[in-house]
C-alpha atoms as a PDB file:
ATOM      1  CA  MET A   1    -153.732 -81.396-150.639  1.00  0.00           C
ATOM      2  CA  ARG A   2    -153.978 -77.910-147.924  1.00  0.00           C
ATOM      3  CA  ARG A   3    -155.032 -75.474-151.003  1.00  0.00           C
ATOM      4  CA  ARG A   4    -157.234 -78.110-151.563  1.00  0.00           C
ATOM      5  CA  LEU A   5    -159.120 -78.004-148.063  1.00  0.00           C
ATOM      6  CA  LEU A   6    -158.913 -74.434-148.049  1.00  0.00           C
ATOM      7  CA  LEU A   7    -160.779 -73.329-151.206  1.00  0.00           C
ATOM      8  CA  SER A   8    -163.257 -76.420-151.087  1.00  0.00           C
ATOM      9  CA  ALA A   9    -166.092 -76.642-149.285  1.00  0.00           C
ATOM     10  CA  PRO A  10    -168.393 -79.130-148.039  1.00  0.00           C
ATOM     11  CA  LEU A  11    -171.079 -80.822-150.104  1.00  0.00           C
ATOM     12  CA  LEU A  12    -173.826 -81.111-146.539  1.00  0.00           C
ATOM     13  CA  GLY A  13    -177.481 -81.736-147.178  1.00  0.00           C
ATOM     14  CA  ALA A  14    -179.341 -78.158-146.936  1.00  0.00           C
ATOM     15  CA  MET A  15    -183.156 -77.237-146.593  1.00  0.00           C
ATOM     16  CA  ALA A  16    -184.534 -73.910-147.457  1.00  0.00           C
ATOM     17  CA  ALA A  17    -182.527 -70.766-144.497  1.00  0.00           C
ATOM     18  CA  PRO A  18    -184.561 -68.450-142.836  1.00  0.00           C
ATOM     19  CA  PRO A  19    -184.017 -64.796-144.909  1.00  0.00           C
ATOM     20  CA  LEU A  20    -180.438 -62.646-143.020  1.00  0.00           C
ATOM     21  CA  PRO A  21    -182.155 -59.433-143.759  1.00  0.00           C
ATOM     22  CA  ALA A  22    -184.246 -60.337-140.886  1.00  0.00           C
ATOM     23  CA  ALA A  23    -181.157 -61.632-138.034  1.00  0.00           C
ATOM     24  CA  TRP A  24    -178.960 -58.094-139.341  1.00  0.00           C
ATOM     25  CA  ALA A  25    -182.131 -56.227-138.813  1.00  0.00           C
ATOM     26  CA  ALA A  26    -182.577 -57.051-134.915  1.00  0.00           C
ATOM     27  CA  PHE A  27    -178.889 -57.138-134.710  1.00  0.00           C
ATOM     28  CA  ARG A  28    -178.605 -53.430-136.589  1.00  0.00           C
ATOM     29  CA  ALA A  29    -181.497 -52.012-133.823  1.00  0.00           C
ATOM     30  CA  ARG A  30    -179.524 -53.608-130.883  1.00  0.00           C
ATOM     31  CA  PHE A  31    -176.124 -52.487-131.510  1.00  0.00           C
ATOM     32  CA  VAL A  32    -175.766 -49.815-134.552  1.00  0.00           C
ATOM     33  CA  GLN A  33    -175.854 -46.300-133.880  1.00  0.00           C
ATOM     34  CA  PRO A  34    -177.612 -44.123-136.776  1.00  0.00           C
ATOM     35  CA  ASP A  35    -173.375 -42.359-137.310  1.00  0.00           C
ATOM     36  CA  GLY A  36    -172.206 -46.412-137.890  1.00  0.00           C
ATOM     37  CA  ARG A  37    -170.334 -47.057-134.927  1.00  0.00           C
ATOM     38  CA  VAL A  38    -171.410 -50.657-133.851  1.00  0.00           C
ATOM     39  CA  VAL A  39    -171.702 -50.900-129.365  1.00  0.00           C
ATOM     40  CA  ASP A  40    -170.248 -53.749-127.076  1.00  0.00           C
ATOM     41  CA  THR A  41    -173.037 -53.451-124.946  1.00  0.00           C
ATOM     42  CA  GLY A  42    -171.156 -56.169-122.680  1.00  0.00           C
ATOM     43  CA  ASN A  43    -167.757 -53.881-122.325  1.00  0.00           C
ATOM     44  CA  GLY A  44    -168.463 -50.428-122.030  1.00  0.00           C
ATOM     45  CA  ASN A  45    -169.795 -49.562-124.697  1.00  0.00           C
ATOM     46  CA  ILE A  46    -166.316 -49.100-126.542  1.00  0.00           C
ATOM     47  CA  SER A  47    -166.170 -50.365-130.389  1.00  0.00           C
ATOM     48  CA  HIS A  48    -164.275 -52.478-132.069  1.00  0.00           C
ATOM     49  CA  SER A  49    -162.769 -52.600-135.505  1.00  0.00           C
ATOM     50  CA  GLU A  50    -163.724 -56.578-136.027  1.00  0.00           C
ATOM     51  CA  GLY A  51    -167.294 -55.707-135.014  1.00  0.00           C
ATOM     52  CA  GLN A  52    -167.260 -52.881-137.616  1.00  0.00           C
ATOM     53  CA  GLY A  53    -166.011 -55.339-140.080  1.00  0.00           C
ATOM     54  CA  TRP A  54    -168.394 -57.742-138.792  1.00  0.00           C
ATOM     55  CA  ALA A  55    -171.228 -55.493-139.220  1.00  0.00           C
ATOM     56  CA  MET A  56    -170.083 -54.577-142.255  1.00  0.00           C
ATOM     57  CA  LEU A  57    -170.072 -57.771-143.793  1.00  0.00           C
ATOM     58  CA  ALA A  58    -174.180 -58.694-142.853  1.00  0.00           C
ATOM     59  CA  ALA A  59    -175.116 -55.276-144.078  1.00  0.00           C
ATOM     60  CA  ALA A  60    -173.507 -56.278-147.410  1.00  0.00           C
ATOM     61  CA  ARG A  61    -175.041 -59.667-147.319  1.00  0.00           C
ATOM     62  CA  ALA A  62    -178.493 -58.144-146.630  1.00  0.00           C
ATOM     63  CA  GLU A  63    -178.184 -55.797-148.853  1.00  0.00           C
ATOM     64  CA  ASP A  64    -178.194 -52.821-146.493  1.00  0.00           C
ATOM     65  CA  ARG A  65    -176.526 -50.039-148.110  1.00  0.00           C
ATOM     66  CA  ALA A  66    -177.888 -47.104-146.104  1.00  0.00           C
ATOM     67  CA  ALA A  67    -176.292 -49.079-143.039  1.00  0.00           C
ATOM     68  CA  PHE A  68    -173.214 -50.526-144.585  1.00  0.00           C
ATOM     69  CA  ASP A  69    -171.902 -46.966-145.890  1.00  0.00           C
ATOM     70  CA  ALA A  70    -172.765 -45.150-142.494  1.00  0.00           C
ATOM     71  CA  LEU A  71    -170.546 -48.602-141.236  1.00  0.00           C
ATOM     72  CA  TRP A  72    -167.630 -47.586-143.311  1.00  0.00           C
ATOM     73  CA  GLY A  73    -168.368 -44.168-142.771  1.00  0.00           C
ATOM     74  CA  TRP A  74    -168.147 -44.171-139.095  1.00  0.00           C
ATOM     75  CA  THR A  75    -164.901 -46.512-139.314  1.00  0.00           C
ATOM     76  CA  ARG A  76    -163.014 -44.388-141.970  1.00  0.00           C
ATOM     77  CA  ARG A  77    -163.945 -41.256-139.197  1.00  0.00           C
ATOM     78  CA  ALA A  78    -163.025 -42.549-136.150  1.00  0.00           C
ATOM     79  CA  LEU A  79    -160.200 -45.386-136.198  1.00  0.00           C
ATOM     80  CA  ARG A  80    -158.015 -44.453-139.277  1.00  0.00           C
ATOM     81  CA  ARG A  81    -153.968 -45.042-138.920  1.00  0.00           C
ATOM     82  CA  PRO A  82    -152.649 -41.609-140.658  1.00  0.00           C
ATOM     83  CA  HIS A  83    -149.993 -44.702-142.375  1.00  0.00           C
ATOM     84  CA  ASP A  84    -152.083 -47.194-143.825  1.00  0.00           C
ATOM     85  CA  ALA A  85    -154.936 -48.795-144.997  1.00  0.00           C
ATOM     86  CA  LEU A  86    -155.236 -50.457-141.589  1.00  0.00           C
ATOM     87  CA  SER A  87    -158.043 -49.995-138.719  1.00  0.00           C
ATOM     88  CA  ALA A  88    -157.475 -48.440-135.183  1.00  0.00           C
ATOM     89  CA  TRP A  89    -158.732 -51.448-132.501  1.00  0.00           C
ATOM     90  CA  ARG A  90    -159.992 -49.627-130.009  1.00  0.00           C
ATOM     91  CA  PHE A  91    -162.660 -46.172-129.747  1.00  0.00           C
ATOM     92  CA  ARG A  92    -163.891 -45.963-126.315  1.00  0.00           C
ATOM     93  CA  PRO A  93    -167.270 -43.086-126.208  1.00  0.00           C
ATOM     94  CA  GLY A  94    -165.506 -39.714-124.441  1.00  0.00           C
ATOM     95  CA  ARG A  95    -161.716 -40.609-124.929  1.00  0.00           C
ATOM     96  CA  GLY A  96    -161.756 -41.599-129.298  1.00  0.00           C
ATOM     97  CA  VAL A  97    -158.813 -44.174-130.417  1.00  0.00           C
ATOM     98  CA  GLU A  98    -156.584 -44.422-127.216  1.00  0.00           C
ATOM     99  CA  ASP A  99    -154.118 -47.314-128.826  1.00  0.00           C
ATOM    100  CA  MET A 100    -153.075 -46.600-132.827  1.00  0.00           C
ATOM    101  CA  ASN A 101    -153.037 -50.544-132.837  1.00  0.00           C
ATOM    102  CA  ASN A 102    -154.577 -52.472-134.963  1.00  0.00           C
ATOM    103  CA  ALA A 103    -156.477 -55.968-134.769  1.00  0.00           C
ATOM    104  CA  THR A 104    -155.797 -58.215-137.700  1.00  0.00           C
ATOM    105  CA  ASP A 105    -159.356 -60.131-137.828  1.00  0.00           C
ATOM    106  CA  GLY A 106    -160.895 -56.712-137.732  1.00  0.00           C
ATOM    107  CA  ASP A 107    -158.798 -55.532-141.013  1.00  0.00           C
ATOM    108  CA  LEU A 108    -159.421 -58.801-142.475  1.00  0.00           C
ATOM    109  CA  PHE A 109    -162.915 -58.613-142.562  1.00  0.00           C
ATOM    110  CA  ILE A 110    -163.552 -55.231-143.571  1.00  0.00           C
ATOM    111  CA  ALA A 111    -161.712 -55.522-146.791  1.00  0.00           C
ATOM    112  CA  TRP A 112    -163.271 -58.746-147.119  1.00  0.00           C
ATOM    113  CA  ALA A 113    -166.824 -56.305-146.713  1.00  0.00           C
ATOM    114  CA  LEU A 114    -165.462 -53.554-148.684  1.00  0.00           C
ATOM    115  CA  LEU A 115    -164.634 -56.509-151.963  1.00  0.00           C
ATOM    116  CA  ASP A 116    -168.007 -57.997-151.275  1.00  0.00           C
ATOM    117  CA  GLY A 117    -170.215 -54.363-151.639  1.00  0.00           C
ATOM    118  CA  ALA A 118    -167.964 -53.661-154.449  1.00  0.00           C
ATOM    119  CA  ALA A 119    -169.541 -56.870-155.785  1.00  0.00           C
ATOM    120  CA  ARG A 120    -173.203 -56.546-155.604  1.00  0.00           C
ATOM    121  CA  TRP A 121    -173.362 -52.928-155.781  1.00  0.00           C
ATOM    122  CA  ALA A 122    -170.821 -52.291-158.669  1.00  0.00           C
ATOM    123  CA  GLU A 123    -168.842 -49.905-157.017  1.00  0.00           C
ATOM    124  CA  PRO A 124    -164.642 -49.982-158.246  1.00  0.00           C
ATOM    125  CA  GLU A 125    -164.265 -47.692-155.330  1.00  0.00           C
ATOM    126  CA  LEU A 126    -164.860 -49.702-152.671  1.00  0.00           C
ATOM    127  CA  ALA A 127    -162.603 -52.614-154.661  1.00  0.00           C
ATOM    128  CA  ARG A 128    -160.183 -49.973-154.219  1.00  0.00           C
ATOM    129  CA  GLN A 129    -160.157 -49.279-150.870  1.00  0.00           C
ATOM    130  CA  GLY A 130    -160.548 -53.248-149.918  1.00  0.00           C
ATOM    131  CA  GLU A 131    -157.724 -53.896-151.883  1.00  0.00           C
ATOM    132  CA  ALA A 132    -155.595 -51.299-150.322  1.00  0.00           C
ATOM    133  CA  VAL A 133    -156.578 -52.683-146.284  1.00  0.00           C
ATOM    134  CA  ALA A 134    -155.476 -56.492-148.319  1.00  0.00           C
ATOM    135  CA  GLN A 135    -152.265 -54.940-150.056  1.00  0.00           C
ATOM    136  CA  ASP A 136    -151.574 -53.814-145.971  1.00  0.00           C
ATOM    137  CA  VAL A 137    -151.836 -56.831-144.055  1.00  0.00           C
ATOM    138  CA  LEU A 138    -149.318 -58.806-146.465  1.00  0.00           C
ATOM    139  CA  ARG A 139    -147.078 -55.810-146.540  1.00  0.00           C
ATOM    140  CA  LEU A 140    -147.273 -55.345-142.276  1.00  0.00           C
ATOM    141  CA  LEU A 141    -148.905 -58.397-140.667  1.00  0.00           C
ATOM    142  CA  VAL A 142    -147.276 -61.589-141.923  1.00  0.00           C
ATOM    143  CA  ARG A 143    -144.042 -62.673-140.430  1.00  0.00           C
ATOM    144  CA  PRO A 144    -141.951 -65.737-140.644  1.00  0.00           C
ATOM    145  CA  ALA A 145    -142.437 -66.975-137.407  1.00  0.00           C
ATOM    146  CA  GLY A 146    -140.731 -70.343-137.333  1.00  0.00           C
ATOM    147  CA  GLU A 147    -141.218 -73.095-139.717  1.00  0.00           C
ATOM    148  CA  PHE A 148    -143.718 -70.895-140.316  1.00  0.00           C
ATOM    149  CA  ARG A 149    -145.720 -67.835-141.896  1.00  0.00           C
ATOM    150  CA  VAL A 150    -147.739 -66.387-139.653  1.00  0.00           C
ATOM    151  CA  LEU A 151    -150.311 -63.490-139.165  1.00  0.00           C
ATOM    152  CA  LEU A 152    -149.517 -61.184-136.629  1.00  0.00           C
ATOM    153  CA  PRO A 153    -153.031 -60.340-134.690  1.00  0.00           C
ATOM    154  CA  GLY A 154    -151.648 -56.176-134.746  1.00  0.00           C
ATOM    155  CA  ALA A 155    -148.656 -54.328-136.187  1.00  0.00           C
ATOM    156  CA  HIS A 156    -147.152 -54.137-132.943  1.00  0.00           C
ATOM    157  CA  GLY A 157    -145.982 -56.113-130.042  1.00  0.00           C
ATOM    158  CA  PHE A 158    -146.854 -59.242-130.779  1.00  0.00           C
ATOM    159  CA  GLU A 159    -142.787 -60.448-132.067  1.00  0.00           C
ATOM    160  CA  GLN A 160    -140.783 -60.726-129.533  1.00  0.00           C
ATOM    161  CA  ALA A 161    -137.063 -62.079-128.637  1.00  0.00           C
ATOM    162  CA  ALA A 162    -137.777 -65.516-127.633  1.00  0.00           C
ATOM    163  CA  HIS A 163    -141.387 -66.060-129.452  1.00  0.00           C
ATOM    164  CA  THR A 164    -144.186 -64.509-131.638  1.00  0.00           C
ATOM    165  CA  VAL A 165    -147.551 -64.343-130.270  1.00  0.00           C
ATOM    166  CA  VAL A 166    -150.252 -64.920-133.042  1.00  0.00           C
ATOM    167  CA  ASN A 167    -154.478 -65.343-131.784  1.00  0.00           C
ATOM    168  CA  PRO A 168    -155.694 -68.410-133.813  1.00  0.00           C
ATOM    169  CA  SER A 169    -159.228 -67.297-134.197  1.00  0.00           C
ATOM    170  CA  TYR A 170    -157.576 -63.982-136.144  1.00  0.00           C
ATOM    171  CA  TYR A 171    -157.564 -66.512-139.057  1.00  0.00           C
ATOM    172  CA  ALA A 172    -160.092 -65.894-140.536  1.00  0.00           C
ATOM    173  CA  PHE A 173    -159.917 -68.537-143.407  1.00  0.00           C
ATOM    174  CA  PRO A 174    -162.776 -67.218-145.625  1.00  0.00           C
ATOM    175  CA  ALA A 175    -161.864 -63.356-145.397  1.00  0.00           C
ATOM    176  CA  LEU A 176    -158.146 -64.789-146.566  1.00  0.00           C
ATOM    177  CA  ARG A 177    -160.228 -66.479-149.408  1.00  0.00           C
ATOM    178  CA  ALA A 178    -162.094 -63.859-150.562  1.00  0.00           C
ATOM    179  CA  LEU A 179    -158.594 -61.613-150.296  1.00  0.00           C
ATOM    180  CA  ALA A 180    -156.477 -63.558-152.098  1.00  0.00           C
ATOM    181  CA  ARG A 181    -158.697 -63.470-155.063  1.00  0.00           C
ATOM    182  CA  ALA A 182    -159.061 -60.164-154.885  1.00  0.00           C
ATOM    183  CA  VAL A 183    -154.951 -59.567-154.577  1.00  0.00           C
ATOM    184  CA  PRO A 184    -153.809 -62.485-155.827  1.00  0.00           C
ATOM    185  CA  ASP A 185    -150.066 -63.146-154.648  1.00  0.00           C
ATOM    186  CA  PRO A 186    -148.492 -66.423-152.996  1.00  0.00           C
ATOM    187  CA  ALA A 187    -148.458 -65.446-149.093  1.00  0.00           C
ATOM    188  CA  TRP A 188    -152.136 -65.664-149.046  1.00  0.00           C
ATOM    189  CA  LEU A 189    -151.717 -69.434-149.535  1.00  0.00           C
ATOM    190  CA  ARG A 190    -148.445 -69.363-147.737  1.00  0.00           C
ATOM    191  CA  VAL A 191    -150.319 -68.072-144.762  1.00  0.00           C
ATOM    192  CA  ALA A 192    -153.142 -70.104-145.204  1.00  0.00           C
ATOM    193  CA  ALA A 193    -152.011 -73.132-145.445  1.00  0.00           C
ATOM    194  CA  ASP A 194    -148.915 -72.663-142.366  1.00  0.00           C
ATOM    195  CA  GLY A 195    -152.010 -71.840-140.436  1.00  0.00           C
ATOM    196  CA  VAL A 196    -154.090 -74.679-141.181  1.00  0.00           C
ATOM    197  CA  ALA A 197    -150.883 -76.476-139.617  1.00  0.00           C
ATOM    198  CA  LEU A 198    -150.227 -74.591-137.025  1.00  0.00           C
ATOM    199  CA  LEU A 199    -153.443 -75.063-135.652  1.00  0.00           C
ATOM    200  CA  ARG A 200    -153.303 -78.905-136.307  1.00  0.00           C
ATOM    201  CA  GLU A 201    -150.450 -78.828-134.128  1.00  0.00           C
ATOM    202  CA  ALA A 202    -151.800 -76.232-131.163  1.00  0.00           C
ATOM    203  CA  ARG A 203    -154.085 -78.421-129.410  1.00  0.00           C
ATOM    204  CA  PHE A 204    -153.994 -78.655-126.043  1.00  0.00           C
ATOM    205  CA  GLY A 205    -156.087 -80.347-122.983  1.00  0.00           C
ATOM    206  CA  ARG A 206    -157.964 -83.376-123.185  1.00  0.00           C
ATOM    207  CA  TRP A 207    -160.005 -82.520-126.350  1.00  0.00           C
ATOM    208  CA  GLY A 208    -157.278 -81.330-128.311  1.00  0.00           C
ATOM    209  CA  LEU A 209    -158.471 -77.504-128.396  1.00  0.00           C
ATOM    210  CA  PRO A 210    -156.760 -74.378-129.851  1.00  0.00           C
ATOM    211  CA  PRO A 211    -155.772 -71.523-126.921  1.00  0.00           C
ATOM    212  CA  ASP A 212    -156.748 -67.952-127.201  1.00  0.00           C
ATOM    213  CA  TRP A 213    -153.204 -67.301-127.224  1.00  0.00           C
ATOM    214  CA  LEU A 214    -150.351 -68.984-128.792  1.00  0.00           C
ATOM    215  CA  ALA A 215    -146.161 -68.323-128.376  1.00  0.00           C
ATOM    216  CA  LEU A 216    -144.734 -69.996-131.201  1.00  0.00           C
ATOM    217  CA  PRO A 217    -141.409 -69.841-129.641  1.00  0.00           C
ATOM    218  CA  ARG A 218    -137.432 -69.701-131.292  1.00  0.00           C
ATOM    219  CA  GLY A 219    -137.034 -73.412-132.140  1.00  0.00           C
ATOM    220  CA  GLY A 220    -139.450 -74.940-129.733  1.00  0.00           C
ATOM    221  CA  ARG A 221    -143.053 -75.493-130.109  1.00  0.00           C
ATOM    222  CA  PRO A 222    -146.388 -74.123-130.008  1.00  0.00           C
ATOM    223  CA  ALA A 223    -147.764 -73.369-126.430  1.00  0.00           C
ATOM    224  CA  PRO A 224    -150.276 -71.495-124.768  1.00  0.00           C
ATOM    225  CA  ALA A 225    -149.495 -67.578-124.614  1.00  0.00           C
ATOM    226  CA  MET A 226    -148.019 -66.157-121.029  1.00  0.00           C
ATOM    227  CA  GLY A 227    -149.840 -63.322-120.067  1.00  0.00           C
ATOM    228  CA  TRP A 228    -153.499 -64.692-120.912  1.00  0.00           C
ATOM    229  CA  PRO A 229    -155.058 -67.805-119.272  1.00  0.00           C
ATOM    230  CA  ALA A 230    -154.490 -71.388-121.067  1.00  0.00           C
ATOM    231  CA  ARG A 231    -157.767 -71.449-122.112  1.00  0.00           C
ATOM    232  CA  PHE A 232    -160.654 -72.629-125.326  1.00  0.00           C
ATOM    233  CA  SER A 233    -162.594 -69.071-124.579  1.00  0.00           C
ATOM    234  CA  TYR A 234    -164.001 -66.130-126.300  1.00  0.00           C
ATOM    235  CA  ASP A 235    -161.424 -65.371-128.756  1.00  0.00           C
ATOM    236  CA  ALA A 236    -161.054 -69.486-129.681  1.00  0.00           C
ATOM    237  CA  VAL A 237    -164.768 -70.314-129.900  1.00  0.00           C
ATOM    238  CA  ARG A 238    -163.845 -68.418-133.574  1.00  0.00           C
ATOM    239  CA  VAL A 239    -161.562 -71.295-134.864  1.00  0.00           C
ATOM    240  CA  PRO A 240    -163.734 -74.331-134.990  1.00  0.00           C
ATOM    241  CA  LEU A 241    -166.399 -71.627-137.278  1.00  0.00           C
ATOM    242  CA  TYR A 242    -163.981 -69.975-139.386  1.00  0.00           C
ATOM    243  CA  LEU A 243    -162.399 -73.545-140.222  1.00  0.00           C
ATOM    244  CA  GLY A 244    -165.935 -74.562-141.201  1.00  0.00           C
ATOM    245  CA  TRP A 245    -167.142 -71.371-142.996  1.00  0.00           C
ATOM    246  CA  ALA A 246    -164.045 -72.443-145.452  1.00  0.00           C
ATOM    247  CA  GLY A 247    -165.232 -75.994-146.139  1.00  0.00           C
ATOM    248  CA  MET A 248    -162.472 -77.814-143.257  1.00  0.00           C
ATOM    249  CA  GLY A 249    -165.032 -78.482-140.701  1.00  0.00           C
ATOM    250  CA  GLY A 250    -162.967 -81.845-140.517  1.00  0.00           C
ATOM    251  CA  GLU A 251    -160.058 -79.956-139.085  1.00  0.00           C
ATOM    252  CA  PRO A 252    -158.730 -81.261-135.926  1.00  0.00           C
ATOM    253  CA  ALA A 253    -159.639 -77.882-134.549  1.00  0.00           C
ATOM    254  CA  VAL A 254    -163.219 -78.696-135.404  1.00  0.00           C
ATOM    255  CA  THR A 255    -163.520 -81.972-134.239  1.00  0.00           C
ATOM    256  CA  GLY A 256    -162.024 -81.728-131.366  1.00  0.00           C
ATOM    257  CA  ALA A 257    -164.067 -78.732-130.326  1.00  0.00           C
ATOM    258  CA  ALA A 258    -167.039 -80.484-131.809  1.00  0.00           C
ATOM    259  CA  ARG A 259    -166.547 -83.054-129.252  1.00  0.00           C
ATOM    260  CA  PHE A 260    -165.453 -81.192-126.124  1.00  0.00           C
ATOM    261  CA  TRP A 261    -169.058 -79.266-126.698  1.00  0.00           C
ATOM    262  CA  ALA A 262    -170.913 -82.617-126.862  1.00  0.00           C
ATOM    263  CA  ASP A 263    -169.105 -83.860-124.038  1.00  0.00           C
ATOM    264  CA  PRO A 264    -171.603 -85.808-121.417  1.00  0.00           C
ATOM    265  CA  ARG A 265    -170.186 -85.183-118.772  1.00  0.00           C
ATOM    266  CA  HIS A 266    -170.768 -81.589-118.435  1.00  0.00           C
ATOM    267  CA  ARG A 267    -173.993 -80.853-117.005  1.00  0.00           C
ATOM    268  CA  HIS A 268    -173.783 -77.143-119.366  1.00  0.00           C
ATOM    269  CA  LEU A 269    -172.586 -76.055-122.330  1.00  0.00           C
ATOM    270  CA  PRO A 270    -169.401 -74.648-121.052  1.00  0.00           C
ATOM    271  CA  ALA A 271    -168.116 -71.339-122.395  1.00  0.00           C
ATOM    272  CA  TRP A 272    -164.177 -72.152-121.837  1.00  0.00           C
ATOM    273  CA  ALA A 273    -162.263 -75.330-120.775  1.00  0.00           C
ATOM    274  CA  ASP A 274    -158.517 -74.524-119.336  1.00  0.00           C
ATOM    275  CA  LEU A 275    -156.540 -76.208-121.188  1.00  0.00           C
ATOM    276  CA  ALA A 276    -153.190 -76.771-118.711  1.00  0.00           C
ATOM    277  CA  THR A 277    -156.492 -78.519-115.952  1.00  0.00           C
ATOM    278  CA  ASP A 278    -159.310 -79.231-118.392  1.00  0.00           C
ATOM    279  CA  ALA A 279    -161.657 -77.305-116.006  1.00  0.00           C
ATOM    280  CA  ILE A 280    -164.794 -75.977-117.209  1.00  0.00           C
ATOM    281  CA  SER A 281    -166.589 -72.675-116.552  1.00  0.00           C
ATOM    282  CA  PRO A 282    -168.950 -72.861-113.566  1.00  0.00           C
ATOM    283  CA  TYR A 283    -171.834 -71.662-115.984  1.00  0.00           C
ATOM    284  CA  PRO A 284    -172.983 -72.236-119.108  1.00  0.00           C
ATOM    285  CA  ALA A 285    -172.227 -71.026-122.876  1.00  0.00           C
ATOM    286  CA  MET A 286    -173.449 -68.188-123.695  1.00  0.00           C
ATOM    287  CA  ALA A 287    -176.545 -68.392-126.657  1.00  0.00           C
ATOM    288  CA  GLY A 288    -174.002 -67.814-129.798  1.00  0.00           C
ATOM    289  CA  ILE A 289    -171.390 -69.955-128.535  1.00  0.00           C
ATOM    290  CA  ALA A 290    -174.198 -72.478-128.291  1.00  0.00           C
ATOM    291  CA  GLN A 291    -175.003 -71.962-131.787  1.00  0.00           C
ATOM    292  CA  VAL A 292    -171.113 -72.499-132.634  1.00  0.00           C
ATOM    293  CA  ALA A 293    -171.316 -75.252-130.738  1.00  0.00           C
ATOM    294  CA  GLU A 294    -174.398 -76.767-132.939  1.00  0.00           C
ATOM    295  CA  PHE A 295    -172.473 -75.685-135.950  1.00  0.00           C
ATOM    296  CA  ALA A 296    -168.880 -77.484-135.429  1.00  0.00           C
ATOM    297  CA  SER A 297    -171.671 -80.729-134.399  1.00  0.00           C
ATOM    298  CA  ARG A 298    -173.611 -80.553-137.664  1.00  0.00           C
ATOM    299  CA  LEU A 299    -170.347 -80.739-139.986  1.00  0.00           C
ATOM    300  CA  GLN A 300    -169.249 -83.492-137.630  1.00  0.00           C
ATOM    301  CA  ARG A 301    -172.507 -85.463-138.843  1.00  0.00           C
ATOM    302  CA  SER A 302    -172.646 -84.126-143.002  1.00  0.00           C
ATOM    303  CA  GLU A 303    -175.898 -83.495-142.202  1.00  0.00           C
ATOM    304  CA  PHE A 304    -175.990 -79.082-142.478  1.00  0.00           C
ATOM    305  CA  MET A 305    -179.518 -77.411-142.268  1.00  0.00           C
ATOM    306  CA  HIS A 306    -180.472 -74.451-140.971  1.00  0.00           C
ATOM    307  CA  PRO A 307    -181.151 -74.970-136.942  1.00  0.00           C
ATOM    308  CA  SER A 308    -183.917 -72.860-135.119  1.00  0.00           C
ATOM    309  CA  MET A 309    -181.521 -69.678-133.973  1.00  0.00           C
ATOM    310  CA  ARG A 310    -182.188 -69.378-130.487  1.00  0.00           C
ATOM    311  CA  GLU A 311    -182.859 -65.626-129.321  1.00  0.00           C
ATOM    312  CA  SER A 312    -179.921 -64.319-128.555  1.00  0.00           C
ATOM    313  CA  GLY A 313    -180.201 -62.034-126.010  1.00  0.00           C
ATOM    314  CA  LEU A 314    -178.797 -58.358-125.544  1.00  0.00           C
ATOM    315  CA  HIS A 315    -174.836 -59.536-125.522  1.00  0.00           C
ATOM    316  CA  TYR A 316    -173.445 -57.982-128.067  1.00  0.00           C
ATOM    317  CA  TYR A 317    -170.776 -60.625-128.339  1.00  0.00           C
ATOM    318  CA  SER A 318    -173.397 -63.457-128.238  1.00  0.00           C
ATOM    319  CA  SER A 319    -175.594 -61.591-131.139  1.00  0.00           C
ATOM    320  CA  ALA A 320    -171.923 -61.172-133.332  1.00  0.00           C
ATOM    321  CA  LEU A 321    -171.602 -64.802-132.744  1.00  0.00           C
ATOM    322  CA  SER A 322    -175.333 -65.413-133.857  1.00  0.00           C
ATOM    323  CA  LEU A 323    -174.919 -63.710-137.224  1.00  0.00           C
ATOM    324  CA  LEU A 324    -171.645 -64.590-138.222  1.00  0.00           C
ATOM    325  CA  VAL A 325    -172.950 -68.521-137.699  1.00  0.00           C
ATOM    326  CA  ARG A 326    -176.188 -67.506-140.100  1.00  0.00           C
ATOM    327  CA  MET A 327    -173.324 -66.117-142.691  1.00  0.00           C
ATOM    328  CA  ALA A 328    -171.203 -69.158-142.756  1.00  0.00           C
ATOM    329  CA  GLN A 329    -174.819 -71.309-142.535  1.00  0.00           C
ATOM    330  CA  ASP A 330    -175.574 -69.529-145.711  1.00  0.00           C
ATOM    331  CA  ASP A 331    -172.425 -69.582-147.422  1.00  0.00           C
ATOM    332  CA  LEU A 332    -172.330 -73.426-146.977  1.00  0.00           C
ATOM    333  CA  LEU A 333    -176.175 -73.689-148.627  1.00  0.00           C
ATOM    334  CA  SER A 334    -175.314 -72.129-151.521  1.00  0.00           C
ATOM    335  CA  VAL A 335    -172.435 -74.319-152.339  1.00  0.00           C
END
């Protein structure tokens, strides 16, 4: 059952899709420097491995080989870790890499982008590089945590004596599927199936939402992790996106998010919900979150088409979410 959920996609009505290259070109012009560094304009102009991976996948899908090569070239030069194929998670202008730990979602998207580019441009070296990243994800980031086999958010710092911390939004299910095809190993299916099972269990508050950060106690039930706000917020909004992208739009984490965003008691579309008090953000969500909400809503109605993509403004993360939604829609419409 879990295998079928992971590998299938919903049968959805469609209409002609607007072109991804135009959306990618707008994102590239605003947030990608000529050397291939993706700039988080809302966070001190730092760069993240996840941003590099998202942009690489979009460049490959848009057939923008020059930008892809620049993005991958900067990622290898600036974020390379010395003893494996993973990437350091953050780069700060003027200081470089301050923490050599990785961010697993960044590595998943980088590997997926390399494999996608290899297939599009018949480049065996890109495939070899993507497979190397995938193999190190399995080797360094897959760990037991109670009854689950989990993806650690990074190679260091998330396994404690009493619990393991995971980030539910790092379960990028369509990327896991792509990596499983390239580097066959039963561990991928176990991680994906356990990830779905974990997300079914780890739902909190009035709407049954996943938290940004989750603790798995030894012998206890999952709970929002201490040290972070107990919220469904800017990380966790990607959970329904990635589940829906992988053909699992009927999962509780998607239906709960759709109910939350559509709740008629809200005066505006919330950016976050407090999972302990059910309070919502006093300000509205950014345009990118609104597009994730629309994506989740359409999946519930089993009528899927490309909506008009609202302008995401100059905010890097909002624009990145918009780009991810567009790629997800393209994939579902191509089934």
